[in-house]
Every structure is written in C-alpha cells, then in structure tokens.
Amino acid sequence: MSKKHRREEHEEHTDESWLIPYADILTLLLALFIVLYSMNSVDVKKFEEMSQAFNLALSSGTGVLENPAAMVTGTDLDRNKQDKGDKDKKNQQKEEAALEAAIKQEQENLQNLKGQIDQYINEHGLTTDLETKLNNSQLMITISDTALFDPARAEVKKESRQLAVAISSMLENYPDYEVIISGHTDTTPINNAYFKSNWDLSSMRAVRFMDILLENDKLSPERFSAVGYGEYRPVADNDTVEGKAKNRRVELSIMLNFADPNDARTIDVPK
C-alpha cells in the first residue's frame, strides 16, 4: 500500500520548468512584432537605444538591430524616390537643353544659307524671279517658271542651269537636311505631245531641276525628293495674269530636322 501511495504523490507534482523559456519566447516575439509594426517611421536615436536594449536582453552578440544602416525605413524610401526624381529631372533638362541647342544651330545654318542665296540673287539681278523665306520648319526658295523653263516645257533652259548649279554648290555645306523640290502650275489646262495634264508638267519640272542639283556628286540623293502639285496649291488668284504668273513656280524646301512642320511662322533674318 505504501508503494502505491508514493507513486500517486509523484504524479501530482509535474515538472513545469518549460514554461519559463516558453514565456521568454512569447515576450520576444511580441517585441519583434512591435518593432516591425513601428519600423515605417523609426527615429534613428530611439532605434539605436532599442537595438542596445534588445542585444542586452538577448545576450547573443551582434544582431541586425545593431546596424540601423542595414534597415530601409520609410524615410529612406522617400529619399530614394526623391533622388531618382531629381536625377530624371536633370536628365530631362539636359535633353531639352541639347534639343534647344540643336534647333538654334539649325536656324543659324539656314540663316547663313539664306544669306548666301539672297546675295546671289542680288548680284545676278534675280530679285523678280527668286524669293527666299525662312520659318520654323524650313527654308523655302521660290523660283518663277520663266526663270527656268520655256512655256509648256520641262527642260531647264541652258542659261538657267547656272542657277541650279550655284544652289547645289551652296547645299554642299549643309548635307544633313532633307530637300524637297515641288513643281506648281496655274489653272490653264495643258494637253500636248509632251504632257497630258498640269500634273505631268509640274512633276517633270521638279524632277528636271532636281537632276541638275544632283549632278553634284557631293550631295546625297537619298535626301532629295521631287513632287508635282499641278494647279492645286496656288499662292495667288488664278483669275489675273499676275496671279497665274506667281502660281507657275518651282519651290525648293530645305527642311529643318528639329522643328514642328506645322509651325510656319516666318523668321526675321538680320540684314
């Protein structure tokens, strides 16, 4: 009987020492969750104090909390975003400055070319036959048909070839621009052995003038194109003799590379 009594007495006193480390683990986990919750707005000084307290409590040497620089806070993220935004803004400003410099350089180039052509016009008495106009998209040289062609013909007159050759020589110094040669007529219909319509006449006049320009092997043919508009892009009234004369023309357009083609404001070039 005595042995049985001692066994029952032993079973009533179970060893509960495991509760102590279990309680410590729960306490540490609670503290960890509190730290994680508050990490988005951490005060650096308080963070360091908390780090020291945790290290003393854990007594486990160096931990992550001992090095606040290893933790990315919400403030750090905001600062990184701001730095990236500042960098993007600076890059955009550089690109805009480079574009403005390129536009300015192009305008200077075409102003110089316009000056050379205007000088040629004055020296050769062509003020009634040629006109130059520079805007924010192109330099346009307008040549009357009588300065280049016989009536209803598309071959450039021998005495007029010098003009095309002179223009091609000037273009040598400006090889990076697209050049468009366009032919225009008045509304008087044409139908002869050479041309069946004003479309034909205007197109062939543009092509024949371009042919002389491209005899200069220093020019790049891939940058040149010719087009005919017939009577459909007049610049004057076709009801008068003077208006028809203005509409019969060849236009040489040197296009800017960095410009809005819809911006046709004329630029005043200093004399």
C-alpha atoms as a PDB file:
ATOM      1  CA  MET A   1       0.000   0.000   0.000  1.00  0.00           C
ATOM      2  CA  SER A   2       2.806   2.415   0.806  1.00  0.00           C
ATOM      3  CA  LYS A   3       4.414   1.997  -2.627  1.00  0.00           C
ATOM      4  CA  LYS A   4       1.198   2.762  -4.394  1.00  0.00           C
ATOM      5  CA  HIS A   5       0.702   5.881  -2.331  1.00  0.00           C
ATOM      6  CA  ARG A   6       4.191   7.198  -3.188  1.00  0.00           C
ATOM      7  CA  ARG A   7       3.581   6.733  -6.972  1.00  0.00           C
ATOM      8  CA  GLU A   8       0.337   8.761  -6.891  1.00  0.00           C
ATOM      9  CA  GLU A   9       2.026  11.540  -4.918  1.00  0.00           C
ATOM     10  CA  HIS A  10       4.771  11.791  -7.594  1.00  0.00           C
ATOM     11  CA  GLU A  11       2.215  12.119 -10.391  1.00  0.00           C
ATOM     12  CA  GLU A  12       0.569  15.153  -8.725  1.00  0.00           C
ATOM     13  CA  HIS A  13       3.802  17.230  -8.966  1.00  0.00           C
ATOM     14  CA  THR A  14       4.525  17.520 -12.761  1.00  0.00           C
ATOM     15  CA  ASP A  15       7.725  19.391 -13.798  1.00  0.00           C
ATOM     16  CA  GLU A  16       6.656  22.864 -15.159  1.00  0.00           C
ATOM     17  CA  SER A  17      10.111  24.381 -15.758  1.00  0.00           C
ATOM     18  CA  TRP A  18       9.483  24.524 -19.574  1.00  0.00           C
ATOM     19  CA  LEU A  19       7.055  27.406 -19.023  1.00  0.00           C
ATOM     20  CA  ILE A  20       9.910  29.832 -18.349  1.00  0.00           C
ATOM     21  CA  PRO A  21      11.655  29.656 -21.770  1.00  0.00           C
ATOM     22  CA  TYR A  22       8.222  29.473 -23.438  1.00  0.00           C
ATOM     23  CA  ALA A  23       7.192  32.735 -21.796  1.00  0.00           C
ATOM     24  CA  ASP A  24      10.529  34.310 -22.850  1.00  0.00           C
ATOM     25  CA  ILE A  25       9.914  33.303 -26.483  1.00  0.00           C
ATOM     26  CA  LEU A  26       6.430  34.792 -26.451  1.00  0.00           C
ATOM     27  CA  THR A  27       7.780  38.019 -24.981  1.00  0.00           C
ATOM     28  CA  LEU A  28      10.483  38.276 -27.660  1.00  0.00           C
ATOM     29  CA  LEU A  29       8.003  37.553 -30.453  1.00  0.00           C
ATOM     30  CA  LEU A  30       5.683  40.267 -29.153  1.00  0.00           C
ATOM     31  CA  ALA A  31       8.575  42.716 -29.066  1.00  0.00           C
ATOM     32  CA  LEU A  32       9.594  41.728 -32.589  1.00  0.00           C
ATOM     33  CA  PHE A  33       6.089  42.361 -33.931  1.00  0.00           C
ATOM     34  CA  ILE A  34       6.003  45.744 -32.226  1.00  0.00           C
ATOM     35  CA  VAL A  35       9.337  46.655 -33.856  1.00  0.00           C
ATOM     36  CA  LEU A  36       8.170  45.548 -37.289  1.00  0.00           C
ATOM     37  CA  TYR A  37       4.933  47.497 -36.903  1.00  0.00           C
ATOM     38  CA  SER A  38       6.687  50.699 -35.960  1.00  0.00           C
ATOM     39  CA  MET A  39       9.567  50.343 -38.454  1.00  0.00           C
ATOM     40  CA  ASN A  40       7.937  52.565 -41.092  1.00  0.00           C
ATOM     41  CA  SER A  41       8.572  55.690 -39.017  1.00  0.00           C
ATOM     42  CA  VAL A  42      11.668  54.993 -36.963  1.00  0.00           C
ATOM     43  CA  ASP A  43      13.564  57.640 -35.101  1.00  0.00           C
ATOM     44  CA  VAL A  44      17.263  56.857 -35.558  1.00  0.00           C
ATOM     45  CA  LYS A  45      18.233  57.684 -31.986  1.00  0.00           C
ATOM     46  CA  LYS A  46      15.415  55.643 -30.485  1.00  0.00           C
ATOM     47  CA  PHE A  47      16.234  52.831 -32.899  1.00  0.00           C
ATOM     48  CA  GLU A  48      19.799  52.679 -31.606  1.00  0.00           C
ATOM     49  CA  GLU A  49      18.610  52.688 -27.991  1.00  0.00           C
ATOM     50  CA  MET A  50      16.153  49.906 -28.717  1.00  0.00           C
ATOM     51  CA  SER A  51      18.895  47.956 -30.509  1.00  0.00           C
ATOM     52  CA  GLN A  52      21.128  48.116 -27.452  1.00  0.00           C
ATOM     53  CA  ALA A  53      18.269  47.057 -25.180  1.00  0.00           C
ATOM     54  CA  PHE A  54      17.465  44.055 -27.365  1.00  0.00           C
ATOM     55  CA  ASN A  55      21.090  42.995 -27.562  1.00  0.00           C
ATOM     56  CA  LEU A  56      21.430  43.193 -23.793  1.00  0.00           C
ATOM     57  CA  ALA A  57      18.242  41.217 -23.346  1.00  0.00           C
ATOM     58  CA  LEU A  58      19.159  38.554 -25.864  1.00  0.00           C
ATOM     59  CA  SER A  59      22.875  38.464 -24.990  1.00  0.00           C
ATOM     60  CA  SER A  60      23.562  36.927 -28.348  1.00  0.00           C
ATOM     61  CA  GLY A  61      26.252  39.196 -29.760  1.00  0.00           C
ATOM     62  CA  THR A  62      25.780  41.374 -32.785  1.00  0.00           C
ATOM     63  CA  GLY A  63      22.355  41.408 -34.451  1.00  0.00           C
ATOM     64  CA  VAL A  64      20.606  43.153 -37.281  1.00  0.00           C
ATOM     65  CA  LEU A  65      19.273  45.847 -34.986  1.00  0.00           C
ATOM     66  CA  GLU A  66      22.848  46.813 -34.101  1.00  0.00           C
ATOM     67  CA  ASN A  67      23.282  48.215 -37.624  1.00  0.00           C
ATOM     68  CA  PRO A  68      20.448  50.651 -38.415  1.00  0.00           C
ATOM     69  CA  ALA A  69      22.024  51.367 -41.812  1.00  0.00           C
ATOM     70  CA  ALA A  70      21.086  47.835 -42.883  1.00  0.00           C
ATOM     71  CA  MET A  71      17.403  48.606 -42.407  1.00  0.00           C
ATOM     72  CA  VAL A  72      15.483  50.524 -45.066  1.00  0.00           C
ATOM     73  CA  THR A  73      12.974  52.852 -43.423  1.00  0.00           C
ATOM     74  CA  GLY A  74      10.048  54.668 -44.980  1.00  0.00           C
ATOM     75  CA  THR A  75      12.098  57.868 -44.852  1.00  0.00           C
ATOM     76  CA  ASP A  76      14.898  56.149 -46.776  1.00  0.00           C
ATOM     77  CA  LEU A  77      12.452  55.015 -49.448  1.00  0.00           C
ATOM     78  CA  ASP A  78      11.066  58.531 -49.812  1.00  0.00           C
ATOM     79  CA  ARG A  79      14.589  59.899 -50.082  1.00  0.00           C
ATOM     80  CA  ASN A  80      15.496  57.327 -52.759  1.00  0.00           C
ATOM     81  CA  LYS A  81      12.382  58.222 -54.743  1.00  0.00           C
ATOM     82  CA  GLN A  82      13.224  61.916 -54.463  1.00  0.00           C
ATOM     83  CA  ASP A  83      16.816  61.285 -55.588  1.00  0.00           C
ATOM     84  CA  LYS A  84      15.562  59.290 -58.584  1.00  0.00           C
ATOM     85  CA  GLY A  85      13.080  62.031 -59.413  1.00  0.00           C
ATOM     86  CA  ASP A  86      15.819  64.668 -59.231  1.00  0.00           C
ATOM     87  CA  LYS A  87      18.045  62.565 -61.495  1.00  0.00           C
ATOM     88  CA  ASP A  88      15.264  62.080 -64.046  1.00  0.00           C
ATOM     89  CA  LYS A  89      14.534  65.802 -63.956  1.00  0.00           C
ATOM     90  CA  LYS A  90      18.193  66.631 -64.568  1.00  0.00           C
ATOM     91  CA  ASN A  91      18.345  64.175 -67.489  1.00  0.00           C
ATOM     92  CA  GLN A  92      15.206  65.705 -68.967  1.00  0.00           C
ATOM     93  CA  GLN A  93      16.666  69.195 -68.581  1.00  0.00           C
ATOM     94  CA  LYS A  94      19.848  68.053 -70.340  1.00  0.00           C
ATOM     95  CA  GLU A  95      17.839  66.566 -73.211  1.00  0.00           C
ATOM     96  CA  GLU A  96      15.781  69.743 -73.543  1.00  0.00           C
ATOM     97  CA  ALA A  97      18.930  71.877 -73.485  1.00  0.00           C
ATOM     98  CA  ALA A  98      20.522  69.676 -76.169  1.00  0.00           C
ATOM     99  CA  LEU A  99      17.386  69.942 -78.320  1.00  0.00           C
ATOM    100  CA  GLU A 100      17.299  73.722 -77.945  1.00  0.00           C
ATOM    101  CA  ALA A 101      20.976  73.902 -78.917  1.00  0.00           C
ATOM    102  CA  ALA A 102      20.317  71.740 -81.996  1.00  0.00           C
ATOM    103  CA  ILE A 103      17.355  73.896 -83.043  1.00  0.00           C
ATOM    104  CA  LYS A 104      19.392  77.057 -82.570  1.00  0.00           C
ATOM    105  CA  GLN A 105      22.266  75.622 -84.616  1.00  0.00           C
ATOM    106  CA  GLU A 106      19.915  74.622 -87.433  1.00  0.00           C
ATOM    107  CA  GLN A 107      18.362  78.065 -87.536  1.00  0.00           C
ATOM    108  CA  GLU A 108      21.822  79.622 -87.736  1.00  0.00           C
ATOM    109  CA  ASN A 109      22.798  77.233 -90.541  1.00  0.00           C
ATOM    110  CA  LEU A 110      19.753  78.032 -92.642  1.00  0.00           C
ATOM    111  CA  GLN A 111      20.050  81.749 -91.943  1.00  0.00           C
ATOM    112  CA  ASN A 112      23.580  81.570 -93.336  1.00  0.00           C
ATOM    113  CA  LEU A 113      22.344  79.652 -96.387  1.00  0.00           C
ATOM    114  CA  LYS A 114      19.540  82.156 -96.920  1.00  0.00           C
ATOM    115  CA  GLY A 115      22.083  84.967 -96.770  1.00  0.00           C
ATOM    116  CA  GLN A 116      24.233  83.302 -99.436  1.00  0.00           C
ATOM    117  CA  ILE A 117      21.262  82.784-101.763  1.00  0.00           C
ATOM    118  CA  ASP A 118      19.993  86.342-101.241  1.00  0.00           C
ATOM    119  CA  GLN A 119      23.439  87.649-102.092  1.00  0.00           C
ATOM    120  CA  TYR A 120      23.467  85.569-105.289  1.00  0.00           C
ATOM    121  CA  ILE A 121      20.022  86.886-106.195  1.00  0.00           C
ATOM    122  CA  ASN A 122      21.101  90.500-105.753  1.00  0.00           C
ATOM    123  CA  GLU A 123      24.380  90.074-107.607  1.00  0.00           C
ATOM    124  CA  HIS A 124      22.677  88.458-110.639  1.00  0.00           C
ATOM    125  CA  GLY A 125      19.610  90.699-110.786  1.00  0.00           C
ATOM    126  CA  LEU A 126      17.130  87.920-109.977  1.00  0.00           C
ATOM    127  CA  THR A 127      15.041  89.745-107.396  1.00  0.00           C
ATOM    128  CA  THR A 128      11.900  89.454-109.523  1.00  0.00           C
ATOM    129  CA  ASP A 129      12.391  85.752-110.241  1.00  0.00           C
ATOM    130  CA  LEU A 130      13.567  84.335-106.902  1.00  0.00           C
ATOM    131  CA  GLU A 131      12.433  84.705-103.316  1.00  0.00           C
ATOM    132  CA  THR A 132      13.650  83.122-100.076  1.00  0.00           C
ATOM    133  CA  LYS A 133      11.641  82.682 -96.912  1.00  0.00           C
ATOM    134  CA  LEU A 134      12.785  81.092 -93.620  1.00  0.00           C
ATOM    135  CA  ASN A 135      10.338  79.909 -90.978  1.00  0.00           C
ATOM    136  CA  ASN A 136      10.458  77.494 -88.053  1.00  0.00           C
ATOM    137  CA  SER A 137      10.158  74.423 -90.250  1.00  0.00           C
ATOM    138  CA  GLN A 138      12.028  75.151 -93.496  1.00  0.00           C
ATOM    139  CA  LEU A 139      13.952  77.449 -95.761  1.00  0.00           C
ATOM    140  CA  MET A 140      11.953  77.836 -98.966  1.00  0.00           C
ATOM    141  CA  ILE A 141      13.409  79.109-102.231  1.00  0.00           C
ATOM    142  CA  THR A 142      10.699  80.054-104.743  1.00  0.00           C
ATOM    143  CA  ILE A 143      11.718  80.311-108.409  1.00  0.00           C
ATOM    144  CA  SER A 144       9.363  81.590-111.091  1.00  0.00           C
ATOM    145  CA  ASP A 145       8.812  79.320-114.077  1.00  0.00           C
ATOM    146  CA  THR A 146      10.109  81.947-116.527  1.00  0.00           C
ATOM    147  CA  ALA A 147      13.497  81.900-114.781  1.00  0.00           C
ATOM    148  CA  LEU A 148      13.871  78.185-115.558  1.00  0.00           C
ATOM    149  CA  PHE A 149      11.618  76.989-118.385  1.00  0.00           C
ATOM    150  CA  ASP A 150      10.158  77.884-121.730  1.00  0.00           C
ATOM    151  CA  PRO A 151       6.333  77.916-121.820  1.00  0.00           C
ATOM    152  CA  ALA A 152       4.782  74.435-121.564  1.00  0.00           C
ATOM    153  CA  ARG A 153       8.222  72.790-121.371  1.00  0.00           C
ATOM    154  CA  ALA A 154      10.018  70.995-118.541  1.00  0.00           C
ATOM    155  CA  GLU A 155      13.652  71.118-119.677  1.00  0.00           C
ATOM    156  CA  VAL A 156      15.643  73.737-117.758  1.00  0.00           C
ATOM    157  CA  LYS A 157      16.885  76.442-120.136  1.00  0.00           C
ATOM    158  CA  LYS A 158      20.627  76.394-120.795  1.00  0.00           C
ATOM    159  CA  GLU A 159      21.084  79.899-119.462  1.00  0.00           C
ATOM    160  CA  SER A 160      19.237  78.899-116.274  1.00  0.00           C
ATOM    161  CA  ARG A 161      21.353  75.873-115.435  1.00  0.00           C
ATOM    162  CA  GLN A 162      23.867  78.173-113.736  1.00  0.00           C
ATOM    163  CA  LEU A 163      21.275  78.997-111.082  1.00  0.00           C
ATOM    164  CA  ALA A 164      20.693  75.323-110.238  1.00  0.00           C
ATOM    165  CA  VAL A 165      24.438  74.654-110.198  1.00  0.00           C
ATOM    166  CA  ALA A 166      25.008  77.611-107.854  1.00  0.00           C
ATOM    167  CA  ILE A 167      22.323  76.393-105.437  1.00  0.00           C
ATOM    168  CA  SER A 168      23.765  72.871-105.450  1.00  0.00           C
ATOM    169  CA  SER A 169      27.194  74.267-104.577  1.00  0.00           C
ATOM    170  CA  MET A 170      25.719  76.155-101.618  1.00  0.00           C
ATOM    171  CA  LEU A 171      23.965  72.999-100.417  1.00  0.00           C
ATOM    172  CA  GLU A 172      27.312  71.177-100.157  1.00  0.00           C
ATOM    173  CA  ASN A 173      27.912  72.803 -96.764  1.00  0.00           C
ATOM    174  CA  TYR A 174      24.540  71.646 -95.443  1.00  0.00           C
ATOM    175  CA  PRO A 175      24.393  67.902 -96.178  1.00  0.00           C
ATOM    176  CA  ASP A 176      22.186  66.879 -93.248  1.00  0.00           C
ATOM    177  CA  TYR A 177      18.889  68.356 -94.424  1.00  0.00           C
ATOM    178  CA  GLU A 178      16.020  66.902 -96.417  1.00  0.00           C
ATOM    179  CA  VAL A 179      15.439  68.793 -99.676  1.00  0.00           C
ATOM    180  CA  ILE A 180      12.054  68.715-101.426  1.00  0.00           C
ATOM    181  CA  ILE A 181      11.616  70.158-104.924  1.00  0.00           C
ATOM    182  CA  SER A 182       7.987  70.836-105.837  1.00  0.00           C
ATOM    183  CA  GLY A 183       6.511  71.983-109.180  1.00  0.00           C
ATOM    184  CA  HIS A 184       3.376  74.138-109.486  1.00  0.00           C
ATOM    185  CA  THR A 185       1.291  75.447-112.405  1.00  0.00           C
ATOM    186  CA  ASP A 186      -1.634  77.792-112.893  1.00  0.00           C
ATOM    187  CA  THR A 187      -5.113  76.601-113.833  1.00  0.00           C
ATOM    188  CA  THR A 188      -4.635  76.839-117.589  1.00  0.00           C
ATOM    189  CA  PRO A 189      -5.029  73.226-118.804  1.00  0.00           C
ATOM    190  CA  ILE A 190      -2.305  71.634-120.872  1.00  0.00           C
ATOM    191  CA  ASN A 191      -2.585  68.721-123.273  1.00  0.00           C
ATOM    192  CA  ASN A 192       0.164  68.412-125.839  1.00  0.00           C
ATOM    193  CA  ALA A 193       2.621  65.865-127.184  1.00  0.00           C
ATOM    194  CA  TYR A 194       4.733  66.093-124.035  1.00  0.00           C
ATOM    195  CA  PHE A 195       2.215  66.378-121.196  1.00  0.00           C
ATOM    196  CA  LYS A 196      -1.393  65.325-120.844  1.00  0.00           C
ATOM    197  CA  SER A 197      -2.078  67.382-117.702  1.00  0.00           C
ATOM    198  CA  ASN A 198      -0.687  70.002-115.337  1.00  0.00           C
ATOM    199  CA  TRP A 199       0.217  67.118-113.013  1.00  0.00           C
ATOM    200  CA  ASP A 200       2.648  65.844-115.611  1.00  0.00           C
ATOM    201  CA  LEU A 201       4.113  69.267-116.308  1.00  0.00           C
ATOM    202  CA  SER A 202       4.623  70.230-112.649  1.00  0.00           C
ATOM    203  CA  SER A 203       6.101  66.839-111.746  1.00  0.00           C
ATOM    204  CA  MET A 204       8.580  66.780-114.627  1.00  0.00           C
ATOM    205  CA  ARG A 205       9.706  70.346-113.958  1.00  0.00           C
ATOM    206  CA  ALA A 206      10.527  69.383-110.359  1.00  0.00           C
ATOM    207  CA  VAL A 207      12.397  66.270-111.493  1.00  0.00           C
ATOM    208  CA  ARG A 208      14.387  68.061-114.198  1.00  0.00           C
ATOM    209  CA  PHE A 209      15.502  70.775-111.765  1.00  0.00           C
ATOM    210  CA  MET A 210      16.467  68.108-109.205  1.00  0.00           C
ATOM    211  CA  ASP A 211      18.500  66.286-111.865  1.00  0.00           C
ATOM    212  CA  ILE A 212      20.779  69.311-112.250  1.00  0.00           C
ATOM    213  CA  LEU A 213      21.198  69.661-108.481  1.00  0.00           C
ATOM    214  CA  LEU A 214      22.229  66.009-108.186  1.00  0.00           C
ATOM    215  CA  GLU A 215      24.853  66.302-110.892  1.00  0.00           C
ATOM    216  CA  ASN A 216      26.892  67.491-107.929  1.00  0.00           C
ATOM    217  CA  ASP A 217      28.238  64.201-106.549  1.00  0.00           C
ATOM    218  CA  LYS A 218      28.871  65.830-103.166  1.00  0.00           C
ATOM    219  CA  LEU A 219      25.134  65.822-102.474  1.00  0.00           C
ATOM    220  CA  SER A 220      23.302  62.739-101.158  1.00  0.00           C
ATOM    221  CA  PRO A 221      20.454  61.688-103.491  1.00  0.00           C
ATOM    222  CA  GLU A 222      18.639  59.880-100.665  1.00  0.00           C
ATOM    223  CA  ARG A 223      17.937  63.255 -99.069  1.00  0.00           C
ATOM    224  CA  PHE A 224      16.240  64.653-102.174  1.00  0.00           C
ATOM    225  CA  SER A 225      12.706  64.177-103.480  1.00  0.00           C
ATOM    226  CA  ALA A 226      10.600  65.735-106.238  1.00  0.00           C
ATOM    227  CA  VAL A 227       6.835  66.188-106.358  1.00  0.00           C
ATOM    228  CA  GLY A 228       4.298  67.873-108.633  1.00  0.00           C
ATOM    229  CA  TYR A 229       1.168  69.618-107.341  1.00  0.00           C
ATOM    230  CA  GLY A 230      -0.270  70.885-110.615  1.00  0.00           C
ATOM    231  CA  GLU A 231      -2.575  73.849-110.072  1.00  0.00           C
ATOM    232  CA  TYR A 232      -3.811  72.653-106.678  1.00  0.00           C
ATOM    233  CA  ARG A 233      -1.596  74.686-104.344  1.00  0.00           C
ATOM    234  CA  PRO A 234      -1.866  78.253-105.609  1.00  0.00           C
ATOM    235  CA  VAL A 235      -0.319  81.206-103.803  1.00  0.00           C
ATOM    236  CA  ALA A 236      -2.285  83.817-105.737  1.00  0.00           C
ATOM    237  CA  ASP A 237      -5.583  84.309-107.556  1.00  0.00           C
ATOM    238  CA  ASN A 238      -5.697  82.493-110.877  1.00  0.00           C
ATOM    239  CA  ASP A 239      -8.235  84.993-112.236  1.00  0.00           C
ATOM    240  CA  THR A 240      -5.492  87.504-113.055  1.00  0.00           C
ATOM    241  CA  VAL A 241      -2.420  87.355-115.265  1.00  0.00           C
ATOM    242  CA  GLU A 242      -0.216  88.400-112.356  1.00  0.00           C
ATOM    243  CA  GLY A 243      -1.726  85.742-110.086  1.00  0.00           C
ATOM    244  CA  LYS A 244      -1.190  82.995-112.651  1.00  0.00           C
ATOM    245  CA  ALA A 245       2.436  84.067-113.064  1.00  0.00           C
ATOM    246  CA  LYS A 246       3.012  83.722-109.313  1.00  0.00           C
ATOM    247  CA  ASN A 247       1.431  80.275-109.259  1.00  0.00           C
ATOM    248  CA  ARG A 248       3.719  78.940-112.011  1.00  0.00           C
ATOM    249  CA  ARG A 249       6.789  78.195-109.930  1.00  0.00           C
ATOM    250  CA  VAL A 250       9.297  75.689-108.563  1.00  0.00           C
ATOM    251  CA  GLU A 251       9.843  75.576-104.806  1.00  0.00           C
ATOM    252  CA  LEU A 252      12.998  74.268-103.178  1.00  0.00           C
ATOM    253  CA  SER A 253      12.372  73.436 -99.499  1.00  0.00           C
ATOM    254  CA  ILE A 254      15.270  72.692 -97.107  1.00  0.00           C
ATOM    255  CA  MET A 255      13.593  71.062 -94.115  1.00  0.00           C
ATOM    256  CA  LEU A 256      14.788  71.501 -90.542  1.00  0.00           C
ATOM    257  CA  ASN A 257      15.374  68.250 -88.661  1.00  0.00           C
ATOM    258  CA  PHE A 258      14.330  69.589 -85.249  1.00  0.00           C
ATOM    259  CA  ALA A 259      11.184  71.558 -85.963  1.00  0.00           C
ATOM    260  CA  ASP A 260       7.415  71.374 -85.952  1.00  0.00           C
ATOM    261  CA  PRO A 261       6.321  71.106 -89.629  1.00  0.00           C
ATOM    262  CA  ASN A 262       3.042  72.820 -88.696  1.00  0.00           C
ATOM    263  CA  ASP A 263       4.861  75.868 -87.350  1.00  0.00           C
ATOM    264  CA  ALA A 264       5.217  78.160 -90.346  1.00  0.00           C
ATOM    265  CA  ARG A 265       5.981  81.430 -88.572  1.00  0.00           C
ATOM    266  CA  THR A 266       8.419  83.487 -90.616  1.00  0.00           C
ATOM    267  CA  ILE A 267      11.741  84.284 -89.008  1.00  0.00           C
ATOM    268  CA  ASP A 268      13.151  87.751 -89.487  1.00  0.00           C
ATOM    269  CA  VAL A 269      16.751  87.404 -90.552  1.00  0.00           C
ATOM    270  CA  PRO A 270      19.003  90.373 -89.764  1.00  0.00           C
ATOM    271  CA  LYS A 271      20.457  92.026 -92.839  1.00  0.00           C
END
